[in-house]
Amino acid sequence: MQAFPAKDVWMEHRVSYGETDAMGYLYYAEYLHLFERSRSAYIRQLGMSYALVEEKGLMLPVREAGCRYRIPSRYDELIWIRVGLAEHGRASMRFVYQLTDAERSVVRAEGFTEHACTNLEGRPVRMPVWLLELIA
């Protein structure tokens, strides 16, 4: 994976029982949920909630996602999710993620999500100036 984007956000999380599989590990699909929660935290830290993004008429549907699982996390472990905006185009964005241990020193998983910019009807649109200014 490339160097992580300089503008990043860390989100703390403790693995709950309901997020684990029968073996006591964080269930693989939960990683995408954690990516989504950290992405919302990232946008909020920039100064806008995702709800406000939608109120302004912009949707950011995921068009592709991926996750590389390295070291499993277990029930009741404290983990950190790091998120950054890796790149953006005229009508798209790519976020990258790292899930680490409690000390933020060991990467346990890494992933990405790619998002299209659409209007409320789902039609592709250029990224609005207000969003470009927000992520600059």
N, C-alpha and C. Protein backbone atom coordinates (compact mmCIF):
# COMPACT_ATOMS: atom_id res chain seq x y z
N MET A 1 0.84 -1.18 0.00
CA MET A 1 0.00 0.00 0.00
C MET A 1 0.88 1.24 0.00
N GLN A 2 0.43 2.30 -0.67
CA GLN A 2 1.17 3.55 -0.73
C GLN A 2 1.25 4.20 0.64
N ALA A 3 2.06 5.27 0.71
CA ALA A 3 2.12 6.05 1.95
C ALA A 3 0.72 6.56 2.28
N PHE A 4 0.41 6.58 3.55
CA PHE A 4 -0.93 7.00 3.97
C PHE A 4 -1.07 8.51 3.78
N PRO A 5 -2.25 8.99 3.37
CA PRO A 5 -2.46 10.43 3.20
C PRO A 5 -2.17 11.20 4.49
N ALA A 6 -1.57 12.38 4.32
CA ALA A 6 -1.17 13.19 5.48
C ALA A 6 -2.37 13.65 6.30
N LYS A 7 -3.46 14.01 5.64
CA LYS A 7 -4.66 14.43 6.37
C LYS A 7 -5.45 13.18 6.70
N ASP A 8 -5.37 12.74 7.95
CA ASP A 8 -6.03 11.50 8.35
C ASP A 8 -6.80 11.70 9.65
N VAL A 9 -7.64 10.74 9.94
CA VAL A 9 -8.43 10.76 11.18
C VAL A 9 -8.34 9.36 11.77
N TRP A 10 -8.20 9.30 13.09
CA TRP A 10 -8.18 8.04 13.82
C TRP A 10 -9.48 7.91 14.60
N MET A 11 -10.05 6.72 14.58
CA MET A 11 -11.27 6.46 15.34
C MET A 11 -11.04 5.23 16.23
N GLU A 12 -11.27 5.40 17.52
CA GLU A 12 -11.13 4.30 18.48
C GLU A 12 -12.38 3.43 18.46
N HIS A 13 -12.17 2.12 18.64
CA HIS A 13 -13.31 1.19 18.67
C HIS A 13 -12.96 -0.03 19.52
N ARG A 14 -13.90 -0.46 20.32
CA ARG A 14 -13.74 -1.71 21.07
C ARG A 14 -14.65 -2.74 20.42
N VAL A 15 -14.10 -3.89 20.06
CA VAL A 15 -14.86 -4.93 19.36
C VAL A 15 -15.92 -5.49 20.30
N SER A 16 -17.18 -5.42 19.86
CA SER A 16 -18.28 -5.92 20.68
C SER A 16 -18.56 -7.39 20.34
N TYR A 17 -19.25 -8.05 21.25
CA TYR A 17 -19.59 -9.46 21.06
C TYR A 17 -20.39 -9.68 19.78
N GLY A 18 -21.33 -8.77 19.52
CA GLY A 18 -22.19 -8.90 18.34
C GLY A 18 -21.46 -8.70 17.02
N GLU A 19 -20.24 -8.18 17.06
CA GLU A 19 -19.45 -7.99 15.84
C GLU A 19 -18.55 -9.18 15.53
N THR A 20 -18.60 -10.19 16.36
CA THR A 20 -17.69 -11.32 16.17
C THR A 20 -18.40 -12.53 15.56
N ASP A 21 -17.58 -13.42 15.01
CA ASP A 21 -18.11 -14.66 14.43
C ASP A 21 -18.06 -15.77 15.49
N ALA A 22 -18.35 -16.97 15.10
CA ALA A 22 -18.39 -18.11 16.03
C ALA A 22 -17.03 -18.40 16.66
N MET A 23 -15.96 -17.94 16.03
CA MET A 23 -14.61 -18.17 16.56
C MET A 23 -14.16 -17.05 17.50
N GLY A 24 -15.01 -16.01 17.64
CA GLY A 24 -14.65 -14.89 18.51
C GLY A 24 -13.85 -13.80 17.82
N TYR A 25 -13.70 -13.90 16.51
CA TYR A 25 -12.98 -12.88 15.74
C TYR A 25 -13.94 -11.84 15.18
N LEU A 26 -13.43 -10.64 14.98
CA LEU A 26 -14.22 -9.61 14.31
C LEU A 26 -14.65 -10.15 12.95
N TYR A 27 -15.95 -10.22 12.72
CA TYR A 27 -16.53 -10.78 11.50
C TYR A 27 -16.06 -9.97 10.29
N TYR A 28 -15.72 -10.64 9.22
CA TYR A 28 -15.08 -9.98 8.08
C TYR A 28 -15.89 -8.82 7.51
N ALA A 29 -17.21 -8.92 7.47
CA ALA A 29 -18.05 -7.85 6.90
C ALA A 29 -18.09 -6.62 7.81
N GLU A 30 -17.80 -6.79 9.09
CA GLU A 30 -17.80 -5.66 10.02
C GLU A 30 -16.70 -4.66 9.69
N TYR A 31 -15.64 -5.11 9.03
CA TYR A 31 -14.56 -4.19 8.66
C TYR A 31 -15.11 -3.08 7.77
N LEU A 32 -15.98 -3.43 6.83
CA LEU A 32 -16.56 -2.42 5.94
C LEU A 32 -17.44 -1.45 6.73
N HIS A 33 -18.13 -1.97 7.72
CA HIS A 33 -18.94 -1.10 8.59
C HIS A 33 -18.04 -0.13 9.35
N LEU A 34 -16.91 -0.62 9.85
CA LEU A 34 -15.98 0.26 10.56
C LEU A 34 -15.36 1.28 9.61
N PHE A 35 -15.11 0.88 8.37
CA PHE A 35 -14.61 1.83 7.38
C PHE A 35 -15.63 2.96 7.19
N GLU A 36 -16.90 2.58 7.10
CA GLU A 36 -17.95 3.59 6.89
C GLU A 36 -18.04 4.54 8.08
N ARG A 37 -17.98 4.01 9.27
CA ARG A 37 -18.05 4.86 10.46
C ARG A 37 -16.86 5.80 10.54
N SER A 38 -15.68 5.31 10.19
CA SER A 38 -14.51 6.18 10.23
C SER A 38 -14.56 7.23 9.12
N ARG A 39 -15.12 6.88 7.98
CA ARG A 39 -15.27 7.84 6.88
C ARG A 39 -16.21 8.98 7.30
N SER A 40 -17.28 8.65 7.99
CA SER A 40 -18.18 9.68 8.51
C SER A 40 -17.46 10.57 9.53
N ALA A 41 -16.61 9.97 10.36
CA ALA A 41 -15.83 10.75 11.33
C ALA A 41 -14.85 11.67 10.61
N TYR A 42 -14.29 11.20 9.51
CA TYR A 42 -13.37 12.00 8.71
C TYR A 42 -14.08 13.24 8.17
N ILE A 43 -15.23 13.04 7.55
CA ILE A 43 -15.99 14.15 6.98
C ILE A 43 -16.41 15.12 8.08
N ARG A 44 -16.82 14.58 9.22
CA ARG A 44 -17.21 15.43 10.34
C ARG A 44 -16.02 16.25 10.84
N GLN A 45 -14.85 15.64 10.90
CA GLN A 45 -13.67 16.36 11.37
C GLN A 45 -13.28 17.49 10.41
N LEU A 46 -13.62 17.34 9.13
CA LEU A 46 -13.37 18.41 8.17
C LEU A 46 -14.35 19.57 8.36
N GLY A 47 -15.42 19.34 9.12
CA GLY A 47 -16.33 20.42 9.42
C GLY A 47 -17.74 20.25 8.88
N MET A 48 -18.06 19.05 8.40
CA MET A 48 -19.40 18.84 7.85
C MET A 48 -19.84 17.41 8.12
N SER A 49 -21.08 17.24 8.49
CA SER A 49 -21.60 15.88 8.67
C SER A 49 -22.02 15.32 7.32
N TYR A 50 -22.03 13.99 7.21
CA TYR A 50 -22.49 13.39 5.96
C TYR A 50 -23.97 13.70 5.73
N ALA A 51 -24.72 13.86 6.79
CA ALA A 51 -26.14 14.23 6.65
C ALA A 51 -26.26 15.58 5.95
N LEU A 52 -25.38 16.51 6.26
CA LEU A 52 -25.41 17.82 5.60
C LEU A 52 -24.98 17.70 4.14
N VAL A 53 -24.03 16.82 3.85
CA VAL A 53 -23.63 16.57 2.46
C VAL A 53 -24.86 16.16 1.66
N GLU A 54 -25.65 15.24 2.20
CA GLU A 54 -26.87 14.79 1.51
C GLU A 54 -27.91 15.91 1.43
N GLU A 55 -28.04 16.72 2.49
CA GLU A 55 -28.98 17.84 2.45
C GLU A 55 -28.62 18.82 1.34
N LYS A 56 -27.33 18.92 1.03
CA LYS A 56 -26.88 19.80 -0.04
C LYS A 56 -27.08 19.16 -1.42
N GLY A 57 -27.64 17.94 -1.45
CA GLY A 57 -27.98 17.30 -2.71
C GLY A 57 -26.93 16.39 -3.30
N LEU A 58 -25.93 16.01 -2.50
CA LEU A 58 -24.87 15.14 -3.00
C LEU A 58 -24.88 13.80 -2.29
N MET A 59 -24.78 12.74 -3.06
CA MET A 59 -24.65 11.39 -2.51
C MET A 59 -23.26 10.86 -2.90
N LEU A 60 -22.71 10.01 -2.05
CA LEU A 60 -21.40 9.42 -2.32
C LEU A 60 -21.49 7.90 -2.22
N PRO A 61 -22.22 7.26 -3.15
CA PRO A 61 -22.36 5.81 -3.07
C PRO A 61 -21.03 5.09 -3.32
N VAL A 62 -20.85 4.00 -2.62
CA VAL A 62 -19.66 3.17 -2.81
C VAL A 62 -19.80 2.42 -4.13
N ARG A 63 -18.78 2.51 -4.97
CA ARG A 63 -18.81 1.76 -6.23
C ARG A 63 -17.83 0.61 -6.22
N GLU A 64 -16.89 0.65 -5.28
CA GLU A 64 -15.97 -0.48 -5.10
C GLU A 64 -15.39 -0.42 -3.70
N ALA A 65 -15.14 -1.58 -3.11
CA ALA A 65 -14.54 -1.66 -1.78
C ALA A 65 -13.63 -2.87 -1.72
N GLY A 66 -12.62 -2.78 -0.90
CA GLY A 66 -11.72 -3.91 -0.72
C GLY A 66 -11.10 -3.88 0.66
N CYS A 67 -10.72 -5.06 1.13
CA CYS A 67 -10.10 -5.17 2.44
C CYS A 67 -9.09 -6.31 2.41
N ARG A 68 -7.92 -6.04 2.94
CA ARG A 68 -6.88 -7.06 3.10
C ARG A 68 -6.78 -7.36 4.59
N TYR A 69 -7.16 -8.57 4.96
CA TYR A 69 -7.15 -8.99 6.37
C TYR A 69 -5.79 -9.57 6.69
N ARG A 70 -5.12 -9.04 7.70
CA ARG A 70 -3.77 -9.50 8.04
C ARG A 70 -3.73 -10.25 9.38
N ILE A 71 -4.21 -9.60 10.43
CA ILE A 71 -4.20 -10.19 11.77
C ILE A 71 -5.60 -10.01 12.35
N PRO A 72 -6.26 -11.07 12.78
CA PRO A 72 -7.63 -10.92 13.28
C PRO A 72 -7.70 -10.15 14.59
N SER A 73 -8.81 -9.46 14.77
CA SER A 73 -9.10 -8.80 16.03
C SER A 73 -10.16 -9.62 16.75
N ARG A 74 -10.11 -9.62 18.07
CA ARG A 74 -11.00 -10.45 18.86
C ARG A 74 -11.96 -9.62 19.69
N TYR A 75 -12.95 -10.30 20.19
CA TYR A 75 -13.94 -9.70 21.08
C TYR A 75 -13.24 -8.94 22.22
N ASP A 76 -13.72 -7.76 22.52
CA ASP A 76 -13.31 -6.87 23.60
C ASP A 76 -11.95 -6.21 23.39
N GLU A 77 -11.32 -6.42 22.25
CA GLU A 77 -10.05 -5.74 21.98
C GLU A 77 -10.31 -4.29 21.57
N LEU A 78 -9.40 -3.43 22.00
CA LEU A 78 -9.42 -2.05 21.56
C LEU A 78 -8.64 -1.97 20.26
N ILE A 79 -9.24 -1.37 19.25
CA ILE A 79 -8.59 -1.20 17.96
C ILE A 79 -8.76 0.26 17.53
N TRP A 80 -7.99 0.64 16.55
CA TRP A 80 -8.09 1.98 15.97
C TRP A 80 -8.28 1.83 14.46
N ILE A 81 -9.11 2.70 13.90
CA ILE A 81 -9.31 2.72 12.46
C ILE A 81 -8.81 4.08 11.98
N ARG A 82 -7.90 4.04 11.03
CA ARG A 82 -7.33 5.25 10.44
C ARG A 82 -7.91 5.41 9.04
N VAL A 83 -8.32 6.63 8.70
CA VAL A 83 -8.91 6.88 7.40
C VAL A 83 -8.29 8.14 6.80
N GLY A 84 -8.12 8.10 5.49
CA GLY A 84 -7.64 9.27 4.77
C GLY A 84 -8.19 9.28 3.36
N LEU A 85 -8.22 10.45 2.77
CA LEU A 85 -8.66 10.58 1.38
C LEU A 85 -7.41 10.45 0.51
N ALA A 86 -7.34 9.36 -0.24
CA ALA A 86 -6.15 9.08 -1.04
C ALA A 86 -6.12 9.90 -2.32
N GLU A 87 -7.28 10.06 -2.95
CA GLU A 87 -7.34 10.81 -4.20
C GLU A 87 -8.79 11.15 -4.52
N HIS A 88 -8.94 12.09 -5.44
CA HIS A 88 -10.27 12.41 -5.94
C HIS A 88 -10.16 12.84 -7.39
N GLY A 89 -11.23 12.57 -8.11
CA GLY A 89 -11.32 12.99 -9.50
C GLY A 89 -12.41 14.04 -9.62
N ARG A 90 -12.89 14.24 -10.83
CA ARG A 90 -13.94 15.24 -11.04
C ARG A 90 -15.26 14.80 -10.43
N ALA A 91 -15.48 13.47 -10.38
CA ALA A 91 -16.77 12.97 -9.88
C ALA A 91 -16.59 11.71 -9.04
N SER A 92 -15.44 11.60 -8.37
CA SER A 92 -15.19 10.40 -7.57
C SER A 92 -14.18 10.70 -6.47
N MET A 93 -14.14 9.80 -5.47
CA MET A 93 -13.19 9.90 -4.36
C MET A 93 -12.76 8.49 -3.97
N ARG A 94 -11.55 8.38 -3.44
CA ARG A 94 -11.03 7.10 -2.95
C ARG A 94 -10.48 7.31 -1.54
N PHE A 95 -11.11 6.63 -0.59
CA PHE A 95 -10.65 6.64 0.79
C PHE A 95 -9.83 5.38 1.06
N VAL A 96 -8.84 5.50 1.93
CA VAL A 96 -8.05 4.35 2.35
C VAL A 96 -8.15 4.23 3.87
N TYR A 97 -7.97 3.00 4.35
CA TYR A 97 -8.17 2.69 5.76
C TYR A 97 -7.08 1.76 6.26
N GLN A 98 -6.75 1.90 7.53
CA GLN A 98 -5.92 0.93 8.24
C GLN A 98 -6.61 0.64 9.56
N LEU A 99 -6.69 -0.61 9.92
CA LEU A 99 -7.21 -1.02 11.21
C LEU A 99 -5.99 -1.52 11.99
N THR A 100 -5.76 -0.94 13.16
CA THR A 100 -4.55 -1.27 13.93
C THR A 100 -4.89 -1.76 15.33
N ASP A 101 -3.85 -2.18 16.02
CA ASP A 101 -3.98 -2.58 17.41
C ASP A 101 -4.16 -1.34 18.30
N ALA A 102 -4.28 -1.56 19.60
CA ALA A 102 -4.54 -0.47 20.55
C ALA A 102 -3.42 0.56 20.58
N GLU A 103 -2.19 0.16 20.28
CA GLU A 103 -1.05 1.07 20.30
C GLU A 103 -0.84 1.78 18.97
N ARG A 104 -1.67 1.46 17.99
CA ARG A 104 -1.57 2.02 16.64
C ARG A 104 -0.26 1.66 15.96
N SER A 105 0.34 0.56 16.34
CA SER A 105 1.65 0.20 15.79
C SER A 105 1.62 -0.98 14.84
N VAL A 106 0.61 -1.85 14.94
CA VAL A 106 0.53 -3.04 14.09
C VAL A 106 -0.73 -2.94 13.23
N VAL A 107 -0.53 -2.94 11.92
CA VAL A 107 -1.67 -2.90 11.00
C VAL A 107 -2.27 -4.29 10.92
N ARG A 108 -3.55 -4.40 11.26
CA ARG A 108 -4.25 -5.68 11.25
C ARG A 108 -5.05 -5.88 9.98
N ALA A 109 -5.46 -4.78 9.36
CA ALA A 109 -6.20 -4.86 8.10
C ALA A 109 -6.03 -3.52 7.40
N GLU A 110 -6.15 -3.53 6.09
CA GLU A 110 -6.13 -2.29 5.34
C GLU A 110 -7.10 -2.41 4.18
N GLY A 111 -7.65 -1.29 3.78
CA GLY A 111 -8.64 -1.36 2.73
C GLY A 111 -8.88 -0.04 2.05
N PHE A 112 -9.89 -0.03 1.20
CA PHE A 112 -10.24 1.17 0.45
C PHE A 112 -11.72 1.14 0.11
N THR A 113 -12.26 2.32 -0.16
CA THR A 113 -13.58 2.44 -0.76
C THR A 113 -13.49 3.52 -1.83
N GLU A 114 -14.12 3.26 -2.97
CA GLU A 114 -14.21 4.25 -4.03
C GLU A 114 -15.66 4.70 -4.12
N HIS A 115 -15.84 6.00 -4.26
CA HIS A 115 -17.18 6.59 -4.23
C HIS A 115 -17.43 7.43 -5.47
N ALA A 116 -18.61 7.32 -6.01
CA ALA A 116 -19.05 8.20 -7.09
C ALA A 116 -19.74 9.40 -6.46
N CYS A 117 -19.70 10.53 -7.12
CA CYS A 117 -20.49 11.70 -6.72
C CYS A 117 -21.75 11.68 -7.58
N THR A 118 -22.90 11.65 -6.92
CA THR A 118 -24.17 11.64 -7.65
C THR A 118 -25.12 12.65 -7.04
N ASN A 119 -26.14 13.00 -7.82
CA ASN A 119 -27.21 13.81 -7.26
C ASN A 119 -28.17 12.89 -6.52
N LEU A 120 -29.23 13.42 -6.00
CA LEU A 120 -30.17 12.62 -5.21
C LEU A 120 -30.89 11.56 -6.03
N GLU A 121 -30.90 11.73 -7.35
CA GLU A 121 -31.52 10.73 -8.24
C GLU A 121 -30.53 9.65 -8.67
N GLY A 122 -29.30 9.75 -8.22
CA GLY A 122 -28.30 8.74 -8.55
C GLY A 122 -27.54 8.99 -9.84
N ARG A 123 -27.69 10.17 -10.42
CA ARG A 123 -26.97 10.50 -11.65
C ARG A 123 -25.61 11.10 -11.30
N PRO A 124 -24.55 10.70 -12.01
CA PRO A 124 -23.21 11.25 -11.74
C PRO A 124 -23.18 12.77 -11.91
N VAL A 125 -22.47 13.42 -11.01
CA VAL A 125 -22.28 14.88 -11.07
C VAL A 125 -20.83 15.19 -10.72
N ARG A 126 -20.37 16.34 -11.18
CA ARG A 126 -19.04 16.81 -10.78
C ARG A 126 -19.03 17.11 -9.29
N MET A 127 -17.86 16.96 -8.70
CA MET A 127 -17.73 17.28 -7.29
C MET A 127 -17.96 18.79 -7.12
N PRO A 128 -18.89 19.18 -6.26
CA PRO A 128 -19.16 20.60 -6.09
C PRO A 128 -17.99 21.36 -5.48
N VAL A 129 -17.94 22.66 -5.76
CA VAL A 129 -16.85 23.50 -5.25
C VAL A 129 -16.77 23.44 -3.73
N TRP A 130 -17.91 23.45 -3.04
CA TRP A 130 -17.89 23.44 -1.57
C TRP A 130 -17.23 22.18 -1.02
N LEU A 131 -17.39 21.04 -1.74
CA LEU A 131 -16.75 19.82 -1.28
C LEU A 131 -15.25 19.84 -1.60
N LEU A 132 -14.90 20.35 -2.76
CA LEU A 132 -13.47 20.48 -3.11
C LEU A 132 -12.75 21.36 -2.10
N GLU A 133 -13.40 22.44 -1.69
CA GLU A 133 -12.80 23.33 -0.68
C GLU A 133 -12.70 22.64 0.67
N LEU A 134 -13.68 21.82 0.99
CA LEU A 134 -13.68 21.10 2.26
C LEU A 134 -12.52 20.11 2.35
N ILE A 135 -12.26 19.40 1.27
CA ILE A 135 -11.23 18.35 1.30
C ILE A 135 -9.83 18.87 0.94
N ALA A 136 -9.73 20.14 0.50
CA ALA A 136 -8.43 20.70 0.11
C ALA A 136 -7.49 20.80 1.31
